[in-house]
Amino acid sequence: MLPPSQNYISTSSSPASHSVRRWADGKTHDARLVLGAVAPVPLRAQAVEPLLESKAPSATLGEEVATPAVADAQPLALNKAKIEVVKALVRQVVLGVAS
């Protein structure tokens, strides 16, 4: 059983999911961001996870992590527009943790 000072939050859409432990101070800990439907297997956006650590989820934070989440993306020629879609989903998932 979890201590009352923390809870686990997981949000998911088919292409992106986010799992965090949020303490009573409202900040995230142990954040994990996974991008699905962008590769043959789901990919953890490990470069972004430290950026989420010890911060309160918000729209501003979503903006801050969206670009680094796709920094290593290598889209196929006809899929370049999907980078913006993934960035929007990352923002949405981070914001979803705030609610």
N, C-alpha and C. Protein backbone atom coordinates (compact mmCIF):
# COMPACT_ATOMS: atom_id res chain seq x y z
N MET A 1 0.84 -1.17 0.00
CA MET A 1 0.00 0.00 0.00
C MET A 1 0.88 1.24 0.00
N LEU A 2 0.47 2.27 -0.76
CA LEU A 2 1.25 3.49 -0.86
C LEU A 2 1.03 4.38 0.35
N PRO A 3 2.07 5.05 0.80
CA PRO A 3 1.89 6.03 1.86
C PRO A 3 0.94 7.13 1.38
N PRO A 4 0.21 7.79 2.29
CA PRO A 4 -0.74 8.81 1.86
C PRO A 4 -0.11 10.02 1.19
N SER A 5 1.19 10.19 1.30
CA SER A 5 1.84 11.36 0.73
C SER A 5 2.15 11.22 -0.76
N GLN A 6 1.85 10.09 -1.34
CA GLN A 6 2.17 9.90 -2.74
C GLN A 6 1.09 9.11 -3.43
N ASN A 7 1.03 9.21 -4.73
CA ASN A 7 0.17 8.36 -5.51
C ASN A 7 0.81 8.15 -6.87
N TYR A 8 0.36 7.11 -7.54
CA TYR A 8 0.88 6.82 -8.86
C TYR A 8 -0.14 7.28 -9.88
N ILE A 9 0.34 7.88 -10.93
CA ILE A 9 -0.53 8.39 -11.97
C ILE A 9 -0.01 7.85 -13.29
N SER A 10 -0.89 7.34 -14.09
CA SER A 10 -0.51 6.88 -15.40
C SER A 10 -1.54 7.39 -16.39
N THR A 11 -1.08 8.05 -17.43
CA THR A 11 -1.98 8.47 -18.49
C THR A 11 -1.51 7.81 -19.76
N SER A 12 -2.44 7.55 -20.64
CA SER A 12 -2.08 6.85 -21.85
C SER A 12 -3.00 7.20 -23.00
N SER A 13 -2.42 7.33 -24.14
CA SER A 13 -3.16 7.33 -25.39
C SER A 13 -2.42 6.29 -26.21
N SER A 14 -2.94 5.84 -27.31
CA SER A 14 -2.24 4.77 -27.99
C SER A 14 -0.83 5.15 -28.43
N PRO A 15 -0.57 6.40 -28.87
CA PRO A 15 0.79 6.70 -29.28
C PRO A 15 1.72 7.20 -28.19
N ALA A 16 1.21 7.55 -27.02
CA ALA A 16 2.10 8.06 -25.97
C ALA A 16 1.52 7.75 -24.61
N SER A 17 2.40 7.44 -23.67
CA SER A 17 1.94 7.24 -22.30
C SER A 17 2.99 7.78 -21.34
N HIS A 18 2.54 8.05 -20.15
CA HIS A 18 3.38 8.72 -19.17
C HIS A 18 3.02 8.12 -17.82
N SER A 19 3.99 7.76 -17.05
CA SER A 19 3.74 7.22 -15.72
C SER A 19 4.61 7.98 -14.74
N VAL A 20 4.03 8.44 -13.65
CA VAL A 20 4.80 9.18 -12.65
C VAL A 20 4.32 8.80 -11.26
N ARG A 21 5.13 9.12 -10.31
CA ARG A 21 4.71 9.07 -8.92
C ARG A 21 4.67 10.52 -8.46
N ARG A 22 3.53 10.95 -7.98
CA ARG A 22 3.40 12.35 -7.56
C ARG A 22 3.30 12.40 -6.04
N TRP A 23 4.15 13.19 -5.45
CA TRP A 23 4.17 13.35 -4.00
C TRP A 23 3.15 14.40 -3.59
N ALA A 24 2.97 14.57 -2.32
CA ALA A 24 2.01 15.54 -1.79
C ALA A 24 2.34 16.96 -2.23
N ASP A 25 3.59 17.23 -2.56
CA ASP A 25 3.96 18.58 -3.01
C ASP A 25 3.53 18.84 -4.45
N GLY A 26 2.94 17.85 -5.11
CA GLY A 26 2.45 18.01 -6.48
C GLY A 26 3.51 17.83 -7.55
N LYS A 27 4.72 17.50 -7.17
CA LYS A 27 5.81 17.33 -8.14
C LYS A 27 5.92 15.86 -8.54
N THR A 28 6.45 15.64 -9.72
CA THR A 28 6.57 14.27 -10.22
C THR A 28 7.93 13.66 -9.86
N HIS A 29 7.89 12.37 -9.70
CA HIS A 29 9.10 11.59 -9.41
C HIS A 29 8.99 10.28 -10.17
N ASP A 30 10.09 9.73 -10.55
CA ASP A 30 10.13 8.46 -11.28
C ASP A 30 9.32 8.53 -12.57
N ALA A 31 9.44 9.61 -13.30
CA ALA A 31 8.67 9.80 -14.54
C ALA A 31 9.17 8.86 -15.63
N ARG A 32 8.24 8.34 -16.41
CA ARG A 32 8.54 7.52 -17.57
C ARG A 32 7.65 8.00 -18.70
N LEU A 33 8.23 8.27 -19.84
CA LEU A 33 7.48 8.68 -21.02
C LEU A 33 7.76 7.67 -22.11
N VAL A 34 6.72 7.08 -22.65
CA VAL A 34 6.85 6.05 -23.68
C VAL A 34 6.09 6.49 -24.92
N LEU A 35 6.74 6.42 -26.05
CA LEU A 35 6.11 6.76 -27.32
C LEU A 35 5.81 5.47 -28.07
N GLY A 36 4.55 5.27 -28.38
CA GLY A 36 4.14 4.10 -29.16
C GLY A 36 3.73 4.57 -30.54
N ALA A 37 3.52 3.67 -31.44
CA ALA A 37 3.09 3.96 -32.81
C ALA A 37 4.08 4.86 -33.55
N VAL A 38 5.31 4.91 -33.09
CA VAL A 38 6.34 5.70 -33.78
C VAL A 38 7.47 4.80 -34.27
N ALA A 39 7.43 3.56 -33.90
CA ALA A 39 8.47 2.60 -34.27
C ALA A 39 7.85 1.20 -34.17
N PRO A 40 8.56 0.19 -34.60
CA PRO A 40 8.01 -1.17 -34.49
C PRO A 40 7.71 -1.59 -33.05
N VAL A 41 8.40 -0.99 -32.10
CA VAL A 41 8.16 -1.27 -30.68
C VAL A 41 8.04 0.06 -29.94
N PRO A 42 7.33 0.10 -28.82
CA PRO A 42 7.27 1.36 -28.05
C PRO A 42 8.66 1.82 -27.64
N LEU A 43 8.87 3.12 -27.66
CA LEU A 43 10.17 3.69 -27.32
C LEU A 43 10.04 4.58 -26.10
N ARG A 44 10.91 4.35 -25.12
CA ARG A 44 10.96 5.27 -23.98
C ARG A 44 11.71 6.52 -24.39
N ALA A 45 11.17 7.66 -24.03
CA ALA A 45 11.84 8.94 -24.30
C ALA A 45 12.71 9.26 -23.08
N GLN A 46 13.77 8.49 -22.92
CA GLN A 46 14.61 8.59 -21.72
C GLN A 46 15.29 9.94 -21.58
N ALA A 47 15.57 10.62 -22.67
CA ALA A 47 16.21 11.93 -22.58
C ALA A 47 15.30 12.96 -21.94
N VAL A 48 14.00 12.74 -22.01
CA VAL A 48 13.02 13.68 -21.47
C VAL A 48 12.73 13.42 -20.00
N GLU A 49 12.85 12.20 -19.57
CA GLU A 49 12.46 11.83 -18.21
C GLU A 49 13.12 12.68 -17.13
N PRO A 50 14.43 12.99 -17.21
CA PRO A 50 15.03 13.86 -16.19
C PRO A 50 14.45 15.28 -16.20
N LEU A 51 13.96 15.72 -17.35
CA LEU A 51 13.37 17.06 -17.44
C LEU A 51 12.04 17.13 -16.69
N LEU A 52 11.40 15.99 -16.49
CA LEU A 52 10.12 15.94 -15.78
C LEU A 52 10.30 15.80 -14.27
N GLU A 53 11.46 15.35 -13.86
CA GLU A 53 11.72 15.04 -12.46
C GLU A 53 11.61 16.26 -11.56
N SER A 54 10.90 16.10 -10.46
CA SER A 54 10.73 17.12 -9.41
C SER A 54 10.07 18.40 -9.91
N LYS A 55 9.25 18.29 -10.95
CA LYS A 55 8.52 19.44 -11.45
C LYS A 55 7.02 19.14 -11.43
N ALA A 56 6.24 20.18 -11.23
CA ALA A 56 4.79 20.03 -11.26
C ALA A 56 4.34 19.95 -12.72
N PRO A 57 3.50 18.98 -13.08
CA PRO A 57 3.04 18.89 -14.45
C PRO A 57 2.22 20.13 -14.82
N SER A 58 2.46 20.65 -16.02
CA SER A 58 1.74 21.84 -16.48
C SER A 58 1.87 21.94 -17.99
N ALA A 59 1.12 22.86 -18.58
CA ALA A 59 1.22 23.09 -20.02
C ALA A 59 2.61 23.60 -20.38
N THR A 60 3.19 24.43 -19.52
CA THR A 60 4.53 24.96 -19.77
C THR A 60 5.56 23.83 -19.79
N LEU A 61 5.45 22.91 -18.85
CA LEU A 61 6.37 21.77 -18.82
C LEU A 61 6.19 20.92 -20.07
N GLY A 62 4.95 20.72 -20.49
CA GLY A 62 4.70 19.98 -21.72
C GLY A 62 5.40 20.59 -22.91
N GLU A 63 5.36 21.92 -22.99
CA GLU A 63 6.06 22.62 -24.08
C GLU A 63 7.57 22.40 -23.99
N GLU A 64 8.09 22.42 -22.77
CA GLU A 64 9.54 22.28 -22.57
C GLU A 64 10.05 20.90 -22.97
N VAL A 65 9.24 19.87 -22.81
CA VAL A 65 9.72 18.52 -23.09
C VAL A 65 9.32 17.99 -24.47
N ALA A 66 8.41 18.66 -25.15
CA ALA A 66 7.92 18.16 -26.44
C ALA A 66 9.03 18.06 -27.48
N THR A 67 9.82 19.10 -27.64
CA THR A 67 10.88 19.08 -28.65
C THR A 67 11.98 18.07 -28.32
N PRO A 68 12.49 18.04 -27.09
CA PRO A 68 13.51 17.02 -26.80
C PRO A 68 12.98 15.58 -26.95
N ALA A 69 11.68 15.39 -26.79
CA ALA A 69 11.12 14.04 -26.91
C ALA A 69 11.27 13.48 -28.31
N VAL A 70 11.34 14.35 -29.30
CA VAL A 70 11.46 13.89 -30.69
C VAL A 70 12.81 14.26 -31.31
N ALA A 71 13.75 14.69 -30.49
CA ALA A 71 15.04 15.16 -30.99
C ALA A 71 15.78 14.11 -31.83
N ASP A 72 15.66 12.85 -31.46
CA ASP A 72 16.38 11.79 -32.19
C ASP A 72 15.53 11.12 -33.26
N ALA A 73 14.35 11.65 -33.52
CA ALA A 73 13.45 11.03 -34.49
C ALA A 73 14.05 11.08 -35.89
N GLN A 74 13.86 10.01 -36.62
CA GLN A 74 14.31 9.92 -38.00
C GLN A 74 13.12 9.46 -38.85
N PRO A 75 12.20 10.38 -39.13
CA PRO A 75 10.99 9.99 -39.86
C PRO A 75 11.28 9.63 -41.31
N LEU A 76 10.45 8.76 -41.85
CA LEU A 76 10.51 8.46 -43.27
C LEU A 76 10.04 9.69 -44.04
N ALA A 77 10.34 9.75 -45.30
CA ALA A 77 10.07 10.94 -46.10
C ALA A 77 8.62 11.42 -46.00
N LEU A 78 7.67 10.52 -46.02
CA LEU A 78 6.26 10.92 -46.00
C LEU A 78 5.70 11.05 -44.58
N ASN A 79 6.54 10.88 -43.58
CA ASN A 79 6.08 10.93 -42.19
C ASN A 79 6.61 12.12 -41.41
N LYS A 80 7.23 13.06 -42.05
CA LYS A 80 7.83 14.20 -41.34
C LYS A 80 6.79 15.01 -40.56
N ALA A 81 5.59 15.11 -41.07
CA ALA A 81 4.54 15.87 -40.39
C ALA A 81 4.15 15.21 -39.07
N LYS A 82 4.40 13.93 -38.95
CA LYS A 82 4.03 13.22 -37.73
C LYS A 82 4.86 13.64 -36.53
N ILE A 83 6.00 14.28 -36.77
CA ILE A 83 6.82 14.79 -35.66
C ILE A 83 6.00 15.78 -34.84
N GLU A 84 5.30 16.67 -35.54
CA GLU A 84 4.47 17.66 -34.84
C GLU A 84 3.32 16.99 -34.10
N VAL A 85 2.80 15.92 -34.65
CA VAL A 85 1.73 15.17 -33.98
C VAL A 85 2.25 14.55 -32.69
N VAL A 86 3.42 13.97 -32.74
CA VAL A 86 4.00 13.35 -31.54
C VAL A 86 4.28 14.43 -30.49
N LYS A 87 4.80 15.57 -30.91
CA LYS A 87 5.04 16.66 -29.95
C LYS A 87 3.74 17.09 -29.28
N ALA A 88 2.67 17.19 -30.05
CA ALA A 88 1.37 17.57 -29.48
C ALA A 88 0.89 16.50 -28.49
N LEU A 89 1.11 15.25 -28.81
CA LEU A 89 0.71 14.17 -27.90
C LEU A 89 1.52 14.20 -26.61
N VAL A 90 2.81 14.49 -26.71
CA VAL A 90 3.64 14.59 -25.51
C VAL A 90 3.12 15.72 -24.62
N ARG A 91 2.82 16.87 -25.22
CA ARG A 91 2.27 17.98 -24.44
C ARG A 91 0.96 17.57 -23.77
N GLN A 92 0.11 16.88 -24.51
CA GLN A 92 -1.18 16.44 -23.99
C GLN A 92 -1.02 15.47 -22.83
N VAL A 93 -0.10 14.53 -22.96
CA VAL A 93 0.11 13.53 -21.91
C VAL A 93 0.66 14.20 -20.65
N VAL A 94 1.62 15.09 -20.78
CA VAL A 94 2.18 15.78 -19.61
C VAL A 94 1.10 16.62 -18.95
N LEU A 95 0.31 17.30 -19.72
CA LEU A 95 -0.77 18.10 -19.17
C LEU A 95 -1.83 17.22 -18.50
N GLY A 96 -2.06 16.03 -19.07
CA GLY A 96 -3.03 15.10 -18.49
C GLY A 96 -2.66 14.64 -17.09
N VAL A 97 -1.37 14.60 -16.81
CA VAL A 97 -0.91 14.22 -15.46
C VAL A 97 -1.26 15.31 -14.47
N ALA A 98 -1.36 16.55 -14.93
CA ALA A 98 -1.65 17.67 -14.03
C ALA A 98 -3.08 17.64 -13.52
N SER A 99 -3.97 16.98 -14.25
CA SER A 99 -5.37 16.99 -13.82
C SER A 99 -5.72 15.83 -12.92
